[in-house]
Amino acid sequence: MDHAERAAAAAALLAAYRDGHPVEPLSEKYSDLTLDDAYEIQLLQIQQRLAAGASVKGHKVGLTSVAMQRQLGVDQPDFGHLLDDMFHLENMPIPVGHYLQPRIEPEVAIVLKRALHGPGVTAAEAAAAVDFVLPALEVIDSRIRDWKIGLLDTVADNASSGGVVLGSRPTPLGAVDLRLAGCTLHVRGELVATGAGGAVLGSPLNALVWLANTLGARGVGLEAGHVVLPGSVTAAVPVQPGDSVTATFAGLGSVTARFAPAAEELSS
């Protein structure tokens, strides 16, 4: 792809955010789309959003579990940016109408106390850079019609980022074995999925290492205070207006996202 095609693809995805109409898969429209093209398309969008006043608050790693890779038909992780306007307070109503095709997934959020700059970051260095972990819910969304995505589509679409709800109980990394931390996901009080931290590349810490080194190879570092979402421990679950979603992690506590009823969305 040339720069004009990348810019056109980025503009189409940004327009989908604004007007609520998803686009056709980029991988079908652009037969020569590569992984580097997809990340450049993502970055063009982020640059425009930063120019409009947004700020980067962290990164997400996607497609780290077998469940999510199978669900979306991909075979490797990807990453996206987390911007300040993506963060929602726990238990505060989230307008579902803000999203196009929202789904939710439980994750262990990692908060950094110091910067990590790859490549060459080891698991020991990554662990030493962690301040604490939190239970989290990520709202993923796709600007690609009907979630008809492959790896290149989701990368270009900022790794299908949507929103983030963080729990309020920080836990030191050494106080819990993230590999064995089991999770239950309830929607409207009904158990819909279970998982454990080991589903995320063997451990969420491994996802942090992957992210630091992958970003580092592109000249980008992780900064102190940044939030890293390492990937879902279950398959993603669709959400609707009025849903209340709670993820409970052994040793970490719980986090709840509440989606505004349709009537509240209309009146807001």
C-alpha atoms as a PDB file:
ATOM      1  CA  MET A   1       0.000   0.000   0.000  1.00  0.00           C
ATOM      2  CA  ASP A   2       1.131   3.545  -0.621  1.00  0.00           C
ATOM      3  CA  HIS A   3       0.670   6.393   1.840  1.00  0.00           C
ATOM      4  CA  ALA A   4      -2.501   7.641   0.152  1.00  0.00           C
ATOM      5  CA  GLU A   5      -4.171   4.241   0.521  1.00  0.00           C
ATOM      6  CA  ARG A   6      -3.118   3.997   4.171  1.00  0.00           C
ATOM      7  CA  ALA A   7      -4.486   7.476   4.825  1.00  0.00           C
ATOM      8  CA  ALA A   8      -7.766   6.607   3.111  1.00  0.00           C
ATOM      9  CA  ALA A   9      -8.145   3.455   5.201  1.00  0.00           C
ATOM     10  CA  ALA A  10      -7.421   5.393   8.405  1.00  0.00           C
ATOM     11  CA  ALA A  11      -9.959   8.045   7.429  1.00  0.00           C
ATOM     12  CA  ALA A  12     -12.618   5.396   6.782  1.00  0.00           C
ATOM     13  CA  LEU A  13     -12.100   3.859  10.231  1.00  0.00           C
ATOM     14  CA  LEU A  14     -12.192   7.253  11.936  1.00  0.00           C
ATOM     15  CA  ALA A  15     -15.412   8.047  10.086  1.00  0.00           C
ATOM     16  CA  ALA A  16     -16.905   4.798  11.391  1.00  0.00           C
ATOM     17  CA  TYR A  17     -16.233   6.023  14.945  1.00  0.00           C
ATOM     18  CA  ARG A  18     -18.043   9.271  14.185  1.00  0.00           C
ATOM     19  CA  ASP A  19     -21.077   8.133  12.189  1.00  0.00           C
ATOM     20  CA  GLY A  20     -21.620   4.671  13.663  1.00  0.00           C
ATOM     21  CA  HIS A  21     -21.504   2.854  10.330  1.00  0.00           C
ATOM     22  CA  PRO A  22     -18.907   0.065  10.121  1.00  0.00           C
ATOM     23  CA  VAL A  23     -16.796  -0.415   7.015  1.00  0.00           C
ATOM     24  CA  GLU A  24     -16.123  -3.461   4.904  1.00  0.00           C
ATOM     25  CA  PRO A  25     -12.996  -5.513   5.760  1.00  0.00           C
ATOM     26  CA  LEU A  26      -9.846  -3.695   4.726  1.00  0.00           C
ATOM     27  CA  SER A  27      -8.214  -7.005   3.828  1.00  0.00           C
ATOM     28  CA  GLU A  28     -10.837  -7.437   1.114  1.00  0.00           C
ATOM     29  CA  LYS A  29     -10.550  -3.910  -0.244  1.00  0.00           C
ATOM     30  CA  TYR A  30      -6.749  -3.799  -0.235  1.00  0.00           C
ATOM     31  CA  SER A  31      -5.316  -7.063  -1.529  1.00  0.00           C
ATOM     32  CA  ASP A  32      -1.732  -5.953  -0.839  1.00  0.00           C
ATOM     33  CA  LEU A  33      -2.386  -5.008   2.823  1.00  0.00           C
ATOM     34  CA  THR A  34       0.510  -6.148   5.061  1.00  0.00           C
ATOM     35  CA  LEU A  35       1.004  -6.214   8.827  1.00  0.00           C
ATOM     36  CA  ASP A  36       3.238  -3.144   8.623  1.00  0.00           C
ATOM     37  CA  ASP A  37       0.526  -1.377   6.610  1.00  0.00           C
ATOM     38  CA  ALA A  38      -2.051  -2.283   9.261  1.00  0.00           C
ATOM     39  CA  TYR A  39       0.034  -0.872  12.113  1.00  0.00           C
ATOM     40  CA  GLU A  40       0.705   2.291  10.103  1.00  0.00           C
ATOM     41  CA  ILE A  41      -3.049   2.699   9.540  1.00  0.00           C
ATOM     42  CA  GLN A  42      -3.568   2.298  13.293  1.00  0.00           C
ATOM     43  CA  LEU A  43      -0.886   4.882  14.038  1.00  0.00           C
ATOM     44  CA  LEU A  44      -2.331   7.409  11.585  1.00  0.00           C
ATOM     45  CA  GLN A  45      -5.613   7.271  13.495  1.00  0.00           C
ATOM     46  CA  ILE A  46      -3.902   7.595  16.872  1.00  0.00           C
ATOM     47  CA  GLN A  47      -1.919  10.594  15.650  1.00  0.00           C
ATOM     48  CA  GLN A  48      -5.117  12.316  14.551  1.00  0.00           C
ATOM     49  CA  ARG A  49      -6.834  11.600  17.861  1.00  0.00           C
ATOM     50  CA  LEU A  50      -3.811  12.906  19.788  1.00  0.00           C
ATOM     51  CA  ALA A  51      -3.839  16.040  17.659  1.00  0.00           C
ATOM     52  CA  ALA A  52      -7.493  16.484  18.660  1.00  0.00           C
ATOM     53  CA  GLY A  53      -6.552  16.423  22.356  1.00  0.00           C
ATOM     54  CA  ALA A  54      -6.513  12.762  23.402  1.00  0.00           C
ATOM     55  CA  SER A  55      -3.605  11.243  25.328  1.00  0.00           C
ATOM     56  CA  VAL A  56      -2.131   7.743  25.477  1.00  0.00           C
ATOM     57  CA  LYS A  57      -2.715   6.027  28.836  1.00  0.00           C
ATOM     58  CA  GLY A  58      -1.379   2.598  27.928  1.00  0.00           C
ATOM     59  CA  HIS A  59      -1.591  -0.264  25.477  1.00  0.00           C
ATOM     60  CA  LYS A  60      -3.540  -3.451  25.030  1.00  0.00           C
ATOM     61  CA  VAL A  61      -2.438  -6.844  23.829  1.00  0.00           C
ATOM     62  CA  GLY A  62      -5.111  -8.712  21.955  1.00  0.00           C
ATOM     63  CA  LEU A  63      -5.609 -12.242  20.701  1.00  0.00           C
ATOM     64  CA  THR A  64      -3.397 -13.818  23.369  1.00  0.00           C
ATOM     65  CA  SER A  65      -5.663 -16.726  24.286  1.00  0.00           C
ATOM     66  CA  VAL A  66      -6.553 -19.758  22.226  1.00  0.00           C
ATOM     67  CA  ALA A  67     -10.223 -18.920  22.832  1.00  0.00           C
ATOM     68  CA  MET A  68      -9.911 -15.444  21.303  1.00  0.00           C
ATOM     69  CA  GLN A  69      -7.695 -16.592  18.444  1.00  0.00           C
ATOM     70  CA  ARG A  70     -10.201 -19.307  17.599  1.00  0.00           C
ATOM     71  CA  GLN A  71     -13.128 -16.900  17.933  1.00  0.00           C
ATOM     72  CA  LEU A  72     -11.620 -14.409  15.488  1.00  0.00           C
ATOM     73  CA  GLY A  73      -9.710 -16.828  13.271  1.00  0.00           C
ATOM     74  CA  VAL A  74      -6.182 -15.520  13.898  1.00  0.00           C
ATOM     75  CA  ASP A  75      -2.953 -17.135  15.058  1.00  0.00           C
ATOM     76  CA  GLN A  76      -0.862 -14.442  16.783  1.00  0.00           C
ATOM     77  CA  PRO A  77      -1.247 -11.536  19.231  1.00  0.00           C
ATOM     78  CA  ASP A  78      -1.576  -7.902  18.285  1.00  0.00           C
ATOM     79  CA  PHE A  79      -1.455  -4.581  20.114  1.00  0.00           C
ATOM     80  CA  GLY A  80      -3.384  -1.338  20.231  1.00  0.00           C
ATOM     81  CA  HIS A  81      -3.357   1.998  22.041  1.00  0.00           C
ATOM     82  CA  LEU A  82      -5.439   2.913  25.089  1.00  0.00           C
ATOM     83  CA  LEU A  83      -6.487   6.565  25.091  1.00  0.00           C
ATOM     84  CA  ASP A  84      -7.814   8.595  28.005  1.00  0.00           C
ATOM     85  CA  ASP A  85     -11.370   8.727  26.676  1.00  0.00           C
ATOM     86  CA  MET A  86     -11.591   4.912  26.664  1.00  0.00           C
ATOM     87  CA  PHE A  87     -11.547   4.618  30.475  1.00  0.00           C
ATOM     88  CA  HIS A  88     -14.853   4.302  32.353  1.00  0.00           C
ATOM     89  CA  LEU A  89     -15.371   4.320  36.102  1.00  0.00           C
ATOM     90  CA  GLU A  90     -16.567   1.107  37.708  1.00  0.00           C
ATOM     91  CA  ASN A  91     -20.358   0.926  38.205  1.00  0.00           C
ATOM     92  CA  MET A  92     -20.946   4.181  36.335  1.00  0.00           C
ATOM     93  CA  PRO A  93     -23.329   3.783  33.369  1.00  0.00           C
ATOM     94  CA  ILE A  94     -21.608   3.260  30.035  1.00  0.00           C
ATOM     95  CA  PRO A  95     -23.637   4.262  26.945  1.00  0.00           C
ATOM     96  CA  VAL A  96     -23.643   1.227  24.656  1.00  0.00           C
ATOM     97  CA  GLY A  97     -24.652   3.526  21.810  1.00  0.00           C
ATOM     98  CA  HIS A  98     -21.120   4.912  21.919  1.00  0.00           C
ATOM     99  CA  TYR A  99     -20.011   1.614  20.367  1.00  0.00           C
ATOM    100  CA  LEU A 100     -20.842  -0.148  17.127  1.00  0.00           C
ATOM    101  CA  GLN A 101     -20.638  -3.876  17.965  1.00  0.00           C
ATOM    102  CA  PRO A 102     -19.516  -4.101  21.605  1.00  0.00           C
ATOM    103  CA  ARG A 103     -18.294  -7.223  23.331  1.00  0.00           C
ATOM    104  CA  ILE A 104     -16.705  -7.562  26.752  1.00  0.00           C
ATOM    105  CA  GLU A 105     -13.851  -9.632  28.109  1.00  0.00           C
ATOM    106  CA  PRO A 106     -12.181 -10.059  31.529  1.00  0.00           C
ATOM    107  CA  GLU A 107      -8.504  -9.220  31.930  1.00  0.00           C
ATOM    108  CA  VAL A 108      -5.828  -8.599  34.551  1.00  0.00           C
ATOM    109  CA  ALA A 109      -4.712  -4.997  34.087  1.00  0.00           C
ATOM    110  CA  ILE A 110      -1.025  -4.336  34.726  1.00  0.00           C
ATOM    111  CA  VAL A 111       0.029  -0.875  35.928  1.00  0.00           C
ATOM    112  CA  LEU A 112       3.685   0.106  35.524  1.00  0.00           C
ATOM    113  CA  LYS A 113       5.779   1.931  38.114  1.00  0.00           C
ATOM    114  CA  ARG A 114       8.619   2.517  35.680  1.00  0.00           C
ATOM    115  CA  ALA A 115       9.193   2.551  31.974  1.00  0.00           C
ATOM    116  CA  LEU A 116       9.929  -0.518  29.872  1.00  0.00           C
ATOM    117  CA  HIS A 117      11.790  -0.114  26.614  1.00  0.00           C
ATOM    118  CA  GLY A 118      12.443  -3.127  24.398  1.00  0.00           C
ATOM    119  CA  PRO A 119      13.611  -5.012  22.533  1.00  0.00           C
ATOM    120  CA  GLY A 120      15.414  -7.394  24.855  1.00  0.00           C
ATOM    121  CA  VAL A 121      13.115  -7.035  27.890  1.00  0.00           C
ATOM    122  CA  THR A 122      13.099 -10.204  30.017  1.00  0.00           C
ATOM    123  CA  ALA A 123      10.338 -11.553  32.240  1.00  0.00           C
ATOM    124  CA  ALA A 124      12.396 -10.562  35.287  1.00  0.00           C
ATOM    125  CA  GLU A 125      12.733  -6.969  34.058  1.00  0.00           C
ATOM    126  CA  ALA A 126       9.056  -6.804  33.226  1.00  0.00           C
ATOM    127  CA  ALA A 127       8.063  -8.076  36.684  1.00  0.00           C
ATOM    128  CA  ALA A 128      10.332  -5.504  38.350  1.00  0.00           C
ATOM    129  CA  ALA A 129       8.623  -2.704  36.399  1.00  0.00           C
ATOM    130  CA  VAL A 130       5.104  -3.603  37.593  1.00  0.00           C
ATOM    131  CA  ASP A 131       3.544  -1.433  40.293  1.00  0.00           C
ATOM    132  CA  PHE A 132       0.358  -3.460  40.840  1.00  0.00           C
ATOM    133  CA  VAL A 133      -2.363  -5.380  39.041  1.00  0.00           C
ATOM    134  CA  LEU A 134      -6.127  -4.841  38.928  1.00  0.00           C
ATOM    135  CA  PRO A 135      -9.151  -6.820  37.786  1.00  0.00           C
ATOM    136  CA  ALA A 136     -10.420  -5.255  34.579  1.00  0.00           C
ATOM    137  CA  LEU A 137     -13.089  -5.483  31.911  1.00  0.00           C
ATOM    138  CA  GLU A 138     -12.299  -4.459  28.370  1.00  0.00           C
ATOM    139  CA  VAL A 139     -15.013  -3.440  25.953  1.00  0.00           C
ATOM    140  CA  ILE A 140     -13.821  -4.475  22.531  1.00  0.00           C
ATOM    141  CA  ASP A 141     -15.484  -3.076  19.456  1.00  0.00           C
ATOM    142  CA  SER A 142     -15.010  -3.332  15.723  1.00  0.00           C
ATOM    143  CA  ARG A 143     -15.367  -0.709  13.072  1.00  0.00           C
ATOM    144  CA  ILE A 144     -15.336  -3.596  10.573  1.00  0.00           C
ATOM    145  CA  ARG A 145     -18.798  -4.793   9.564  1.00  0.00           C
ATOM    146  CA  ASP A 146     -20.131  -7.882  11.399  1.00  0.00           C
ATOM    147  CA  TRP A 147     -16.770  -8.524  13.078  1.00  0.00           C
ATOM    148  CA  LYS A 148     -15.637  -9.973   9.750  1.00  0.00           C
ATOM    149  CA  ILE A 149     -11.991  -9.530  10.629  1.00  0.00           C
ATOM    150  CA  GLY A 150      -8.646 -11.186  10.279  1.00  0.00           C
ATOM    151  CA  LEU A 151      -5.405 -10.142  11.950  1.00  0.00           C
ATOM    152  CA  LEU A 152      -4.740  -7.284   9.526  1.00  0.00           C
ATOM    153  CA  ASP A 153      -8.222  -5.815   9.924  1.00  0.00           C
ATOM    154  CA  THR A 154      -8.140  -5.800  13.710  1.00  0.00           C
ATOM    155  CA  VAL A 155      -4.602  -4.372  13.829  1.00  0.00           C
ATOM    156  CA  ALA A 156      -5.594  -1.506  11.543  1.00  0.00           C
ATOM    157  CA  ASP A 157      -8.648  -0.940  13.758  1.00  0.00           C
ATOM    158  CA  ASN A 158      -6.481  -0.287  16.847  1.00  0.00           C
ATOM    159  CA  ALA A 159      -6.742  -3.941  17.901  1.00  0.00           C
ATOM    160  CA  SER A 160     -10.536  -3.576  18.144  1.00  0.00           C
ATOM    161  CA  SER A 161     -10.160  -1.280  21.158  1.00  0.00           C
ATOM    162  CA  GLY A 162     -13.273   0.180  22.716  1.00  0.00           C
ATOM    163  CA  GLY A 163     -13.314   0.879  26.441  1.00  0.00           C
ATOM    164  CA  VAL A 164     -11.780  -0.122  29.769  1.00  0.00           C
ATOM    165  CA  VAL A 165     -13.192  -0.485  33.276  1.00  0.00           C
ATOM    166  CA  LEU A 166     -10.611  -0.953  36.023  1.00  0.00           C
ATOM    167  CA  GLY A 167     -11.285  -2.449  39.436  1.00  0.00           C
ATOM    168  CA  SER A 168     -10.468  -0.434  42.519  1.00  0.00           C
ATOM    169  CA  ARG A 169      -8.399  -2.915  44.550  1.00  0.00           C
ATOM    170  CA  PRO A 170      -4.709  -2.881  43.580  1.00  0.00           C
ATOM    171  CA  THR A 171      -2.752  -6.060  44.311  1.00  0.00           C
ATOM    172  CA  PRO A 172       1.047  -6.395  44.325  1.00  0.00           C
ATOM    173  CA  LEU A 173       2.304  -8.678  41.568  1.00  0.00           C
ATOM    174  CA  GLY A 174       4.008 -10.971  44.076  1.00  0.00           C
ATOM    175  CA  ALA A 175       0.809 -11.520  46.068  1.00  0.00           C
ATOM    176  CA  VAL A 176      -0.892 -13.655  43.404  1.00  0.00           C
ATOM    177  CA  ASP A 177       0.147 -16.260  40.845  1.00  0.00           C
ATOM    178  CA  LEU A 178      -1.342 -14.746  37.711  1.00  0.00           C
ATOM    179  CA  ARG A 179      -1.027 -18.042  35.851  1.00  0.00           C
ATOM    180  CA  LEU A 180      -3.391 -19.767  38.262  1.00  0.00           C
ATOM    181  CA  ALA A 181      -5.773 -16.887  39.002  1.00  0.00           C
ATOM    182  CA  GLY A 182      -9.189 -18.220  38.044  1.00  0.00           C
ATOM    183  CA  CYS A 183     -11.900 -15.937  36.713  1.00  0.00           C
ATOM    184  CA  THR A 184     -15.675 -16.069  36.475  1.00  0.00           C
ATOM    185  CA  LEU A 185     -17.642 -13.746  34.201  1.00  0.00           C
ATOM    186  CA  HIS A 186     -21.268 -12.959  35.016  1.00  0.00           C
ATOM    187  CA  VAL A 187     -23.710 -11.001  32.838  1.00  0.00           C
ATOM    188  CA  ARG A 188     -26.972  -9.923  34.515  1.00  0.00           C
ATOM    189  CA  GLY A 189     -26.064 -12.316  37.347  1.00  0.00           C
ATOM    190  CA  GLU A 190     -25.711 -15.338  35.063  1.00  0.00           C
ATOM    191  CA  LEU A 191     -22.400 -17.168  34.744  1.00  0.00           C
ATOM    192  CA  VAL A 192     -21.394 -16.961  31.067  1.00  0.00           C
ATOM    193  CA  ALA A 193     -17.688 -17.849  31.041  1.00  0.00           C
ATOM    194  CA  THR A 194     -14.756 -19.016  33.136  1.00  0.00           C
ATOM    195  CA  GLY A 195     -11.025 -18.840  32.587  1.00  0.00           C
ATOM    196  CA  ALA A 196      -7.636 -18.373  34.210  1.00  0.00           C
ATOM    197  CA  GLY A 197      -4.591 -16.164  33.746  1.00  0.00           C
ATOM    198  CA  GLY A 198      -2.650 -18.997  32.180  1.00  0.00           C
ATOM    199  CA  ALA A 199      -4.841 -18.643  29.065  1.00  0.00           C
ATOM    200  CA  VAL A 200      -2.925 -15.437  28.258  1.00  0.00           C
ATOM    201  CA  LEU A 201       0.310 -16.670  26.651  1.00  0.00           C
ATOM    202  CA  GLY A 202       0.849 -18.861  29.715  1.00  0.00           C
ATOM    203  CA  SER A 203       0.774 -15.802  31.994  1.00  0.00           C
ATOM    204  CA  PRO A 204      -0.278 -12.143  31.647  1.00  0.00           C
ATOM    205  CA  LEU A 205       3.343 -11.270  32.458  1.00  0.00           C
ATOM    206  CA  ASN A 206       4.418 -12.952  29.212  1.00  0.00           C
ATOM    207  CA  ALA A 207       2.034 -10.678  27.323  1.00  0.00           C
ATOM    208  CA  LEU A 208       3.706  -7.663  28.952  1.00  0.00           C
ATOM    209  CA  VAL A 209       7.115  -8.931  27.803  1.00  0.00           C
ATOM    210  CA  TRP A 210       5.781  -9.517  24.277  1.00  0.00           C
ATOM    211  CA  LEU A 211       4.307  -6.023  24.171  1.00  0.00           C
ATOM    212  CA  ALA A 212       7.444  -4.266  25.459  1.00  0.00           C
ATOM    213  CA  ASN A 213       9.637  -6.027  22.925  1.00  0.00           C
ATOM    214  CA  THR A 214       7.214  -5.677  20.011  1.00  0.00           C
ATOM    215  CA  LEU A 215       6.741  -1.960  20.671  1.00  0.00           C
ATOM    216  CA  GLY A 216      10.463  -1.529  21.234  1.00  0.00           C
ATOM    217  CA  ALA A 217      11.211  -2.918  17.805  1.00  0.00           C
ATOM    218  CA  ARG A 218       8.997  -0.106  16.471  1.00  0.00           C
ATOM    219  CA  GLY A 219      10.756   2.551  18.536  1.00  0.00           C
ATOM    220  CA  VAL A 220       8.008   2.883  21.163  1.00  0.00           C
ATOM    221  CA  GLY A 221       8.343   2.378  24.917  1.00  0.00           C
ATOM    222  CA  LEU A 222       5.936   1.714  27.765  1.00  0.00           C
ATOM    223  CA  GLU A 223       5.887   4.540  30.302  1.00  0.00           C
ATOM    224  CA  ALA A 224       5.521   4.705  34.080  1.00  0.00           C
ATOM    225  CA  GLY A 225       1.866   4.842  35.097  1.00  0.00           C
ATOM    226  CA  HIS A 226       0.676   3.265  31.874  1.00  0.00           C
ATOM    227  CA  VAL A 227      -1.996   0.576  31.963  1.00  0.00           C
ATOM    228  CA  VAL A 228      -1.350  -2.615  30.022  1.00  0.00           C
ATOM    229  CA  LEU A 229      -4.226  -4.942  29.196  1.00  0.00           C
ATOM    230  CA  PRO A 230      -2.516  -8.280  28.481  1.00  0.00           C
ATOM    231  CA  GLY A 231      -5.437 -10.100  26.873  1.00  0.00           C
ATOM    232  CA  SER A 232      -8.674 -11.831  27.753  1.00  0.00           C
ATOM    233  CA  VAL A 233      -8.853 -15.014  29.804  1.00  0.00           C
ATOM    234  CA  THR A 234     -12.141 -16.020  28.109  1.00  0.00           C
ATOM    235  CA  ALA A 235     -13.839 -15.599  24.767  1.00  0.00           C
ATOM    236  CA  ALA A 236     -15.536 -12.212  24.342  1.00  0.00           C
ATOM    237  CA  VAL A 237     -19.247 -11.872  25.195  1.00  0.00           C
ATOM    238  CA  PRO A 238     -21.653  -9.434  23.457  1.00  0.00           C
ATOM    239  CA  VAL A 239     -23.226  -6.738  25.638  1.00  0.00           C
ATOM    240  CA  GLN A 240     -26.468  -4.791  25.344  1.00  0.00           C
ATOM    241  CA  PRO A 241     -28.042  -1.742  27.011  1.00  0.00           C
ATOM    242  CA  GLY A 242     -28.960  -2.507  30.606  1.00  0.00           C
ATOM    243  CA  ASP A 243     -26.375  -5.273  31.052  1.00  0.00           C
ATOM    244  CA  SER A 244     -24.339  -5.469  34.245  1.00  0.00           C
ATOM    245  CA  VAL A 245     -21.118  -7.441  33.840  1.00  0.00           C
ATOM    246  CA  THR A 246     -18.885  -8.629  36.689  1.00  0.00           C
ATOM    247  CA  ALA A 247     -15.522 -10.343  36.442  1.00  0.00           C
ATOM    248  CA  THR A 248     -14.180 -11.967  39.611  1.00  0.00           C
ATOM    249  CA  PHE A 249     -10.555 -13.071  39.808  1.00  0.00           C
ATOM    250  CA  ALA A 250      -9.210 -15.304  42.578  1.00  0.00           C
ATOM    251  CA  GLY A 251      -6.803 -13.245  44.657  1.00  0.00           C
ATOM    252  CA  LEU A 252      -7.619  -9.996  42.867  1.00  0.00           C
ATOM    253  CA  GLY A 253     -11.259  -9.300  43.635  1.00  0.00           C
ATOM    254  CA  SER A 254     -13.926  -8.187  41.210  1.00  0.00           C
ATOM    255  CA  VAL A 255     -14.795  -5.421  38.792  1.00  0.00           C
ATOM    256  CA  THR A 256     -18.237  -4.466  37.449  1.00  0.00           C
ATOM    257  CA  ALA A 257     -19.231  -2.626  34.300  1.00  0.00           C
ATOM    258  CA  ARG A 258     -22.783  -1.317  34.045  1.00  0.00           C
ATOM    259  CA  PHE A 259     -24.200  -0.430  30.657  1.00  0.00           C
ATOM    260  CA  ALA A 260     -26.870   2.242  30.581  1.00  0.00           C
ATOM    261  CA  PRO A 261     -30.405   1.115  29.746  1.00  0.00           C
ATOM    262  CA  ALA A 262     -31.678   2.260  26.372  1.00  0.00           C
ATOM    263  CA  ALA A 263     -33.969   4.833  28.025  1.00  0.00           C
ATOM    264  CA  GLU A 264     -30.983   6.481  29.766  1.00  0.00           C
ATOM    265  CA  GLU A 265     -29.087   6.636  26.484  1.00  0.00           C
ATOM    266  CA  LEU A 266     -31.979   8.397  24.773  1.00  0.00           C
ATOM    267  CA  SER A 267     -32.290  10.942  27.568  1.00  0.00           C
ATOM    268  CA  SER A 268     -28.574  11.679  27.861  1.00  0.00           C
END
